[in-house]
Amino acid sequence: MGAHHMTEDVPLLELRGVSKSFGAVQALDKVNLSVPADKITALVGDNGAGKSVTIKTISGLWQPTEGEILWEGKPAHIHSPNDAEALGITTIYQDLALCDNLDIVQNLFLGHEKLRHGLLDETAMEIEAREVLADLHVTTVRSIRQPVASLSGGQRQSVAVAKAVLSSAKLVIMDEPTAALGVAQTEQVIDLIKRLASQGTAVMVVSHNLVDVFAVAEQISVLYLGRLVAQGPASDFDTQMVVEYQTTGQSTRANAPGVEGS
C-alpha cells in the first residue's frame, strides 16, 4: 500500500450523498458519483435526469442541499465558480463563453494577460497559444489572430479546451461538446477530448449522444430522475444497457453494472 497505490484508489472528484432540491422539486437524490483522475468519464441521462444540476453543483453555481463533494479525497467547499477554478475544475458549457470579437490569443489569455514592462507581451502569448494548440493537435486554425467569430464549432470547442489547459485545469467538464456539430467537427472534438486526457487531465463529458460517449468514455455514470442508477467502466456497458438505464432506471441484463447499495 504505497503512496502511489493510495492515489490511484482515490477519485479526483467524488460526490457523496449529494441531493439538490428546488422547493418541492428533488433534482438530485443522494447521488454518489466518482470521477477518476486521468480518465474520461461520461455522465449520461435523459433530459431532466439531473445532468446540468450535477454540473452546476460541481462548478459552484449551486450548493447541494445535502451531501458533500470531495476533491482529491478531501472535503471541498465550492461556493462559487471561482472556488471550482481555484481547485482546478473548469466547466465548458455549450455556449463556450468565448468573446466573438476577440481573436484566439486574446480569448486564451482573457483575464490572465501576460505583461512585460507593464505592456501586453503579445509575443509570449502567441508562443504559448501556438504551443497549447499544437499539443492538442489543433491543426485546422488558419491564424491564431483569427477572430473567434470566424471559427467553426469544432475550432471554437478547441479554443475553449486550450483555455482550460492554460489555466492548469485538473478536471475539464464538457457539457454536450458535440451538440450541433457535423461529422468531421465531431471527430475533431472527440480527438481533442482524447488528447486532453492523454496529457493527464481528467475529462467529464456530459452528453446524450451515446455514439460519442462510447467513442471516448473510459467510465460511464448514468442518471435517471435525479438518481445515479449505474456507474462503472465503459467496457461493462453497451448502448442498449445505457438506454435501458436512461429510460427506466434499471437494466434487464443480469450482468449489468448497477450502483452498490441501491
Protein backbone atom coordinates (compact mmCIF):
# COMPACT_ATOMS: atom_id res chain seq x y z
CA MET A 1 0.00 0.00 0.00
CA GLY A 2 2.48 2.62 -1.18
CA ALA A 3 1.61 6.29 -1.63
CA HIS A 4 1.14 5.75 -5.37
CA HIS A 5 -1.41 2.98 -4.84
CA MET A 6 -3.30 5.23 -2.48
CA THR A 7 -3.78 7.98 -5.05
CA GLU A 8 -4.99 5.53 -7.68
CA ASP A 9 -7.90 4.46 -5.50
CA VAL A 10 -8.96 7.96 -4.51
CA PRO A 11 -11.20 9.57 -7.14
CA LEU A 12 -10.18 13.03 -8.26
CA LEU A 13 -13.73 14.19 -7.61
CA GLU A 14 -16.41 12.47 -5.59
CA LEU A 15 -19.99 13.36 -4.79
CA ARG A 16 -21.23 11.62 -1.65
CA GLY A 17 -24.95 11.57 -0.99
CA VAL A 18 -25.46 14.80 -2.88
CA SER A 19 -29.08 15.95 -3.07
CA LYS A 20 -30.41 19.17 -4.52
CA SER A 21 -33.96 20.41 -4.25
CA PHE A 22 -35.60 23.50 -5.66
CA GLY A 23 -38.64 23.95 -3.47
CA ALA A 24 -40.65 20.75 -3.76
CA VAL A 25 -38.69 19.50 -6.74
CA GLN A 26 -35.97 16.98 -5.90
CA ALA A 27 -33.49 17.49 -8.77
CA LEU A 28 -30.76 15.24 -7.34
CA ASP A 29 -31.39 12.43 -4.88
CA LYS A 30 -28.40 11.15 -2.84
CA VAL A 31 -26.03 10.96 -5.79
CA ASN A 32 -22.73 9.10 -5.26
CA LEU A 33 -20.66 9.98 -8.30
CA SER A 34 -16.96 9.35 -8.68
CA VAL A 35 -14.69 10.84 -11.33
CA PRO A 36 -11.29 9.14 -11.57
CA ALA A 37 -8.12 11.12 -12.29
CA ASP A 38 -6.53 10.89 -15.77
CA LYS A 39 -9.61 9.30 -17.33
CA ILE A 40 -12.60 10.26 -19.44
CA THR A 41 -15.89 9.82 -17.62
CA ALA A 42 -19.22 10.19 -19.38
CA LEU A 43 -22.24 11.41 -17.43
CA VAL A 44 -25.37 10.41 -19.30
CA GLY A 45 -29.11 10.61 -18.80
CA ASP A 46 -32.26 11.81 -20.50
CA ASN A 47 -33.47 15.41 -20.30
CA GLY A 48 -34.46 16.15 -16.72
CA ALA A 49 -32.28 13.36 -15.31
CA GLY A 50 -30.17 15.89 -13.42
CA LYS A 51 -27.09 16.21 -15.63
CA SER A 52 -26.99 20.01 -15.69
CA VAL A 53 -27.85 20.26 -11.99
CA THR A 54 -24.89 17.97 -11.28
CA ILE A 55 -22.52 20.09 -13.38
CA LYS A 56 -23.72 23.33 -11.83
CA THR A 57 -23.28 21.88 -8.35
CA ILE A 58 -19.73 20.74 -9.09
CA SER A 59 -18.83 24.05 -10.73
CA GLY A 60 -20.08 26.12 -7.80
CA LEU A 61 -23.15 27.74 -9.35
CA TRP A 62 -25.45 25.89 -6.93
CA GLN A 63 -24.90 24.49 -3.44
CA PRO A 64 -26.01 20.95 -2.65
CA THR A 65 -29.00 20.74 -0.28
CA GLU A 66 -27.25 17.83 1.43
CA GLY A 67 -24.23 15.60 0.97
CA GLU A 68 -20.62 16.53 0.32
CA ILE A 69 -18.17 16.99 -2.50
CA LEU A 70 -14.66 15.59 -2.15
CA TRP A 71 -11.73 16.76 -4.25
CA GLU A 72 -8.60 14.61 -4.22
CA GLY A 73 -10.09 12.80 -1.22
CA LYS A 74 -10.68 15.87 0.93
CA PRO A 75 -13.98 17.71 1.55
CA ALA A 76 -14.21 20.67 -0.82
CA HIS A 77 -16.24 23.80 -0.26
CA ILE A 78 -17.24 25.03 -3.69
CA HIS A 79 -19.39 28.10 -3.16
CA SER A 80 -18.70 29.83 -6.48
CA PRO A 81 -17.23 29.18 -9.92
CA ASN A 82 -14.05 30.89 -8.66
CA ASP A 83 -13.72 28.25 -5.93
CA ALA A 84 -14.06 25.50 -8.55
CA GLU A 85 -11.48 27.14 -10.84
CA ALA A 86 -9.08 27.53 -7.89
CA LEU A 87 -9.27 23.77 -7.24
CA GLY A 88 -8.60 23.06 -10.92
CA ILE A 89 -12.13 22.42 -12.20
CA THR A 90 -13.05 24.10 -15.49
CA THR A 91 -16.53 23.74 -16.94
CA ILE A 92 -17.05 24.31 -20.65
CA TYR A 93 -20.73 24.98 -21.27
CA GLN A 94 -22.43 24.65 -24.63
CA ASP A 95 -22.27 28.41 -25.24
CA LEU A 96 -18.47 28.18 -24.66
CA ALA A 97 -18.35 31.71 -23.17
CA LEU A 98 -15.90 32.98 -25.79
CA CYS A 99 -15.71 36.60 -26.93
CA ASP A 100 -16.56 36.60 -30.63
CA ASN A 101 -14.97 39.97 -31.34
CA LEU A 102 -11.60 38.96 -29.87
CA ASP A 103 -9.04 36.76 -31.60
CA ILE A 104 -7.87 33.34 -30.41
CA VAL A 105 -4.88 34.64 -28.42
CA GLN A 106 -6.98 37.33 -26.72
CA ASN A 107 -9.59 34.72 -25.78
CA LEU A 108 -6.99 32.29 -24.42
CA PHE A 109 -5.46 34.87 -22.10
CA LEU A 110 -8.59 36.85 -21.23
CA GLY A 111 -8.24 37.93 -17.62
CA HIS A 112 -4.74 36.38 -17.41
CA GLU A 113 -2.89 38.56 -19.91
CA LYS A 114 0.90 38.33 -19.89
CA LEU A 115 2.68 41.60 -19.27
CA ARG A 116 6.24 42.74 -19.85
CA HIS A 117 7.37 46.14 -18.53
CA GLY A 118 3.70 46.91 -17.90
CA LEU A 119 2.69 46.28 -21.54
CA LEU A 120 0.94 43.31 -23.09
CA ASP A 121 3.55 40.72 -24.06
CA GLU A 122 1.96 39.70 -27.36
CA THR A 123 4.96 37.58 -28.42
CA ALA A 124 4.93 35.46 -25.26
CA MET A 125 1.17 34.97 -25.51
CA GLU A 126 1.38 33.99 -29.19
CA ILE A 127 4.16 31.47 -28.49
CA GLU A 128 2.20 29.89 -25.65
CA ALA A 129 -1.01 29.88 -27.71
CA ARG A 130 0.78 28.08 -30.55
CA GLU A 131 2.26 25.53 -28.15
CA VAL A 132 -1.01 24.66 -26.44
CA LEU A 133 -2.86 24.33 -29.76
CA ALA A 134 -0.06 22.14 -31.15
CA ASP A 135 -0.14 19.94 -28.02
CA LEU A 136 -3.86 19.45 -28.53
CA HIS A 137 -3.30 18.72 -32.25
CA VAL A 138 -5.43 21.66 -33.32
CA THR A 139 -4.24 22.00 -36.90
CA THR A 140 -7.18 23.49 -38.78
CA VAL A 141 -6.93 27.04 -37.44
CA ARG A 142 -5.70 29.41 -40.14
CA SER A 143 -4.24 32.01 -37.80
CA ILE A 144 -4.15 32.44 -34.02
CA ARG A 145 -5.09 36.05 -34.73
CA GLN A 146 -8.41 34.99 -36.27
CA PRO A 147 -11.46 36.44 -34.53
CA VAL A 148 -13.26 33.64 -32.72
CA ALA A 149 -16.45 34.59 -34.59
CA SER A 150 -14.87 33.22 -37.78
CA LEU A 151 -14.22 29.75 -36.34
CA SER A 152 -16.22 26.55 -36.85
CA GLY A 153 -17.95 24.85 -33.93
CA GLY A 154 -15.16 22.30 -33.58
CA GLN A 155 -12.49 25.01 -33.63
CA ARG A 156 -14.37 27.04 -31.01
CA GLN A 157 -14.50 23.94 -28.81
CA SER A 158 -10.71 23.61 -29.29
CA VAL A 159 -10.14 27.20 -28.13
CA ALA A 160 -12.28 26.63 -25.04
CA VAL A 161 -10.31 23.46 -24.20
CA ALA A 162 -6.96 25.20 -24.84
CA LYS A 163 -8.06 27.91 -22.43
CA ALA A 164 -8.76 25.26 -19.77
CA VAL A 165 -5.29 23.77 -20.33
CA LEU A 166 -3.66 27.20 -19.94
CA SER A 167 -5.49 27.63 -16.61
CA SER A 168 -3.89 24.32 -15.44
CA ALA A 169 -7.23 22.55 -15.08
CA LYS A 170 -7.09 19.09 -13.50
CA LEU A 171 -10.69 18.32 -14.45
CA VAL A 172 -12.43 19.66 -17.53
CA ILE A 173 -16.20 19.20 -17.60
CA MET A 174 -17.65 19.44 -21.11
CA ASP A 175 -21.37 19.97 -21.49
CA GLU A 176 -22.70 18.40 -24.73
CA PRO A 177 -19.42 19.16 -26.58
CA THR A 178 -20.59 17.59 -29.85
CA ALA A 179 -24.11 19.05 -29.93
CA ALA A 180 -24.86 20.83 -33.21
CA LEU A 181 -21.59 19.70 -34.84
CA GLY A 182 -21.26 17.90 -38.17
CA VAL A 183 -19.46 14.57 -38.56
CA ALA A 184 -15.98 15.97 -39.28
CA GLN A 185 -16.17 18.52 -36.47
CA THR A 186 -17.47 15.89 -34.05
CA GLU A 187 -14.41 13.75 -34.88
CA GLN A 188 -12.17 16.78 -34.21
CA VAL A 189 -13.74 17.27 -30.79
CA ILE A 190 -13.50 13.56 -29.92
CA ASP A 191 -9.80 13.62 -30.83
CA LEU A 192 -9.44 16.76 -28.74
CA ILE A 193 -11.01 15.08 -25.69
CA LYS A 194 -8.68 12.08 -26.09
CA ARG A 195 -5.63 14.36 -26.41
CA LEU A 196 -6.63 16.24 -23.29
CA ALA A 197 -6.94 13.00 -21.29
CA SER A 198 -3.67 11.65 -22.70
CA GLN A 199 -1.94 14.70 -21.18
CA GLY A 200 -3.17 13.65 -17.73
CA THR A 201 -6.26 15.83 -17.41
CA ALA A 202 -9.45 14.16 -16.23
CA VAL A 203 -12.41 14.90 -18.50
CA MET A 204 -16.10 14.58 -17.71
CA VAL A 205 -18.20 14.54 -20.85
CA VAL A 206 -21.88 15.24 -20.29
CA SER A 207 -23.80 14.03 -23.30
CA HIS A 208 -26.89 12.26 -24.52
CA ASN A 209 -25.14 11.19 -27.74
CA LEU A 210 -24.26 7.58 -26.93
CA VAL A 211 -22.23 7.08 -30.11
CA ASP A 212 -19.89 9.86 -28.95
CA VAL A 213 -19.96 8.59 -25.38
CA PHE A 214 -18.78 5.12 -26.39
CA ALA A 215 -16.15 6.67 -28.68
CA VAL A 216 -14.39 8.39 -25.76
CA ALA A 217 -15.57 7.25 -22.33
CA GLU A 218 -13.49 5.04 -20.05
CA GLN A 219 -16.08 5.24 -17.30
CA ILE A 220 -19.84 5.75 -17.58
CA SER A 221 -22.22 7.12 -14.95
CA VAL A 222 -25.96 7.13 -15.65
CA LEU A 223 -28.52 9.44 -14.04
CA TYR A 224 -32.23 8.69 -14.01
CA LEU A 225 -34.70 11.15 -12.44
CA GLY A 226 -32.03 12.64 -10.18
CA ARG A 227 -30.59 9.32 -9.03
CA LEU A 228 -27.33 7.71 -10.08
CA VAL A 229 -28.50 4.29 -11.28
CA ALA A 230 -25.36 2.82 -12.83
CA GLN A 231 -21.64 3.50 -12.76
CA GLY A 232 -18.63 1.54 -13.93
CA PRO A 233 -16.01 1.02 -16.63
CA ALA A 234 -17.33 1.72 -20.14
CA SER A 235 -16.38 -1.83 -21.14
CA ASP A 236 -19.09 -3.15 -18.78
CA PHE A 237 -21.80 -1.34 -20.76
CA ASP A 238 -23.26 -1.42 -24.23
CA THR A 239 -25.62 1.06 -25.88
CA GLN A 240 -28.78 -0.93 -25.19
CA MET A 241 -27.90 -1.19 -21.49
CA VAL A 242 -27.35 2.56 -21.18
CA VAL A 243 -30.62 3.24 -22.99
CA GLU A 244 -32.44 0.93 -20.54
CA TYR A 245 -30.91 2.70 -17.53
CA GLN A 246 -31.69 6.13 -19.00
CA THR A 247 -35.31 5.35 -19.75
CA THR A 248 -36.30 3.00 -16.89
CA GLY A 249 -33.61 3.39 -14.22
CA GLN A 250 -32.63 -0.26 -14.47
CA SER A 251 -31.27 -2.84 -16.87
CA THR A 252 -32.78 -6.24 -17.57
CA ARG A 253 -29.31 -7.70 -18.16
CA ALA A 254 -28.18 -9.97 -15.31
CA ASN A 255 -24.55 -8.84 -15.51
CA ALA A 256 -25.31 -5.17 -15.94
CA PRO A 257 -23.32 -2.77 -13.75
CA GLY A 258 -25.52 -1.06 -11.21
CA VAL A 259 -24.74 1.06 -8.19
CA GLU A 260 -23.60 -0.59 -4.96
CA GLY A 261 -26.16 -0.38 -2.20
CA SER A 262 -29.07 0.65 -4.40
